[in-house]
C-alpha atoms as a PDB file:
ATOM      1  CA  MET A   1     -14.303 -28.154 -17.894  1.00  0.00           C
ATOM      2  CA  SER A   2     -15.832 -25.461 -19.720  1.00  0.00           C
ATOM      3  CA  SER A   3     -13.756 -22.176 -20.254  1.00  0.00           C
ATOM      4  CA  LYS A   4     -16.544 -20.451 -17.817  1.00  0.00           C
ATOM      5  CA  THR A   5     -15.889 -23.141 -15.158  1.00  0.00           C
ATOM      6  CA  GLU A   6     -12.181 -23.107 -15.576  1.00  0.00           C
ATOM      7  CA  LYS A   7     -12.279 -19.271 -14.884  1.00  0.00           C
ATOM      8  CA  SER A   8     -14.358 -19.533 -11.806  1.00  0.00           C
ATOM      9  CA  PHE A   9     -12.318 -22.257 -10.502  1.00  0.00           C
ATOM     10  CA  ALA A  10      -8.998 -20.145 -11.180  1.00  0.00           C
ATOM     11  CA  SER A  11     -10.597 -17.045  -9.562  1.00  0.00           C
ATOM     12  CA  SER A  12     -11.520 -18.989  -6.340  1.00  0.00           C
ATOM     13  CA  ARG A  13      -8.200 -20.628  -6.084  1.00  0.00           C
ATOM     14  CA  TRP A  14      -6.478 -17.254  -6.506  1.00  0.00           C
ATOM     15  CA  GLU A  15      -8.640 -15.924  -3.524  1.00  0.00           C
ATOM     16  CA  ASN A  16      -8.012 -18.996  -1.476  1.00  0.00           C
ATOM     17  CA  GLU A  17      -4.233 -18.379  -1.968  1.00  0.00           C
ATOM     18  CA  GLY A  18      -4.440 -14.780  -0.413  1.00  0.00           C
ATOM     19  CA  GLY A  19      -5.222 -13.017  -3.817  1.00  0.00           C
ATOM     20  CA  ALA A  20      -7.833 -10.458  -4.527  1.00  0.00           C
ATOM     21  CA  MET A  21     -10.790 -10.217  -2.329  1.00  0.00           C
ATOM     22  CA  ARG A  22     -13.904  -7.867  -2.575  1.00  0.00           C
ATOM     23  CA  PRO A  23     -13.101  -4.632  -0.707  1.00  0.00           C
ATOM     24  CA  HIS A  24     -14.957  -4.130   2.593  1.00  0.00           C
ATOM     25  CA  SER A  25     -17.937  -1.839   2.169  1.00  0.00           C
ATOM     26  CA  GLU A  26     -16.353   0.922   4.410  1.00  0.00           C
ATOM     27  CA  GLU A  27     -13.319   0.855   2.140  1.00  0.00           C
ATOM     28  CA  VAL A  28     -15.639   1.369  -0.938  1.00  0.00           C
ATOM     29  CA  GLY A  29     -17.212   4.245   0.741  1.00  0.00           C
ATOM     30  CA  MET A  30     -13.827   5.709   1.525  1.00  0.00           C
ATOM     31  CA  VAL A  31     -12.631   5.383  -2.079  1.00  0.00           C
ATOM     32  CA  GLN A  32     -15.846   7.056  -3.341  1.00  0.00           C
ATOM     33  CA  LYS A  33     -15.243   9.945  -0.963  1.00  0.00           C
ATOM     34  CA  LEU A  34     -11.556  10.349  -1.873  1.00  0.00           C
ATOM     35  CA  ALA A  35     -12.786  10.501  -5.543  1.00  0.00           C
ATOM     36  CA  GLU A  36     -15.534  13.005  -4.832  1.00  0.00           C
ATOM     37  CA  TYR A  37     -13.190  15.337  -3.467  1.00  0.00           C
ATOM     38  CA  GLY A  38     -10.275  14.780  -5.901  1.00  0.00           C
ATOM     39  CA  ILE A  39      -7.824  13.463  -3.076  1.00  0.00           C
ATOM     40  CA  THR A  40      -5.128  11.275  -4.449  1.00  0.00           C
ATOM     41  CA  ALA A  41      -2.571   9.046  -2.791  1.00  0.00           C
ATOM     42  CA  VAL A  42       1.005  10.254  -3.274  1.00  0.00           C
ATOM     43  CA  PRO A  43       3.970   7.806  -2.486  1.00  0.00           C
ATOM     44  CA  LEU A  44       6.260   9.211   0.048  1.00  0.00           C
ATOM     45  CA  MET A  45       9.933   8.232   0.594  1.00  0.00           C
ATOM     46  CA  VAL A  46      10.763   7.689   4.057  1.00  0.00           C
ATOM     47  CA  TYR A  47      14.603   7.081   5.166  1.00  0.00           C
ATOM     48  CA  GLU A  48      15.273   5.137   8.313  1.00  0.00           C
ATOM     49  CA  TRP A  49      18.295   5.271  10.410  1.00  0.00           C
ATOM     50  CA  SER A  50      18.889   3.723  13.917  1.00  0.00           C
ATOM     51  CA  GLY A  51      15.112   3.380  14.591  1.00  0.00           C
ATOM     52  CA  TYR A  52      14.037   6.889  13.544  1.00  0.00           C
ATOM     53  CA  ARG A  53      12.301   7.716  10.340  1.00  0.00           C
ATOM     54  CA  TYR A  54      12.901  10.899   8.352  1.00  0.00           C
ATOM     55  CA  THR A  55      10.833  12.263   5.388  1.00  0.00           C
ATOM     56  CA  ASN A  56      13.855  14.479   4.471  1.00  0.00           C
ATOM     57  CA  ARG A  57      17.002  12.762   3.627  1.00  0.00           C
ATOM     58  CA  ASN A  58      19.332  15.624   4.478  1.00  0.00           C
ATOM     59  CA  ASP A  59      17.935  15.308   8.183  1.00  0.00           C
ATOM     60  CA  ALA A  60      18.637  11.657   8.035  1.00  0.00           C
ATOM     61  CA  ILE A  61      22.110  12.177   7.032  1.00  0.00           C
ATOM     62  CA  ALA A  62      22.681  15.119   9.538  1.00  0.00           C
ATOM     63  CA  ALA A  63      21.447  12.578  12.404  1.00  0.00           C
ATOM     64  CA  ALA A  64      23.819   9.903  11.375  1.00  0.00           C
ATOM     65  CA  GLU A  65      26.693  12.396  10.957  1.00  0.00           C
ATOM     66  CA  ARG A  66      26.102  13.851  14.614  1.00  0.00           C
ATOM     67  CA  SER A  67      26.441  10.339  16.013  1.00  0.00           C
ATOM     68  CA  VAL A  68      29.848   9.816  14.580  1.00  0.00           C
ATOM     69  CA  GLN A  69      31.180  13.056  16.027  1.00  0.00           C
END
């Protein structure tokens, strides 16, 4: 097997196992719009307690403390 064939085989095998896929055309358009406007994604920490989600850790702690009293 040539190097080129091996790379092609490895690539297709990876995609068959749930690896990289070509992005959907709408997703490509959305990525371009985000870049055009300078919009970036920012990771967000979310705290979960008793089925509720909080973006502020102090609120999550306060809710948990209220349940104990």
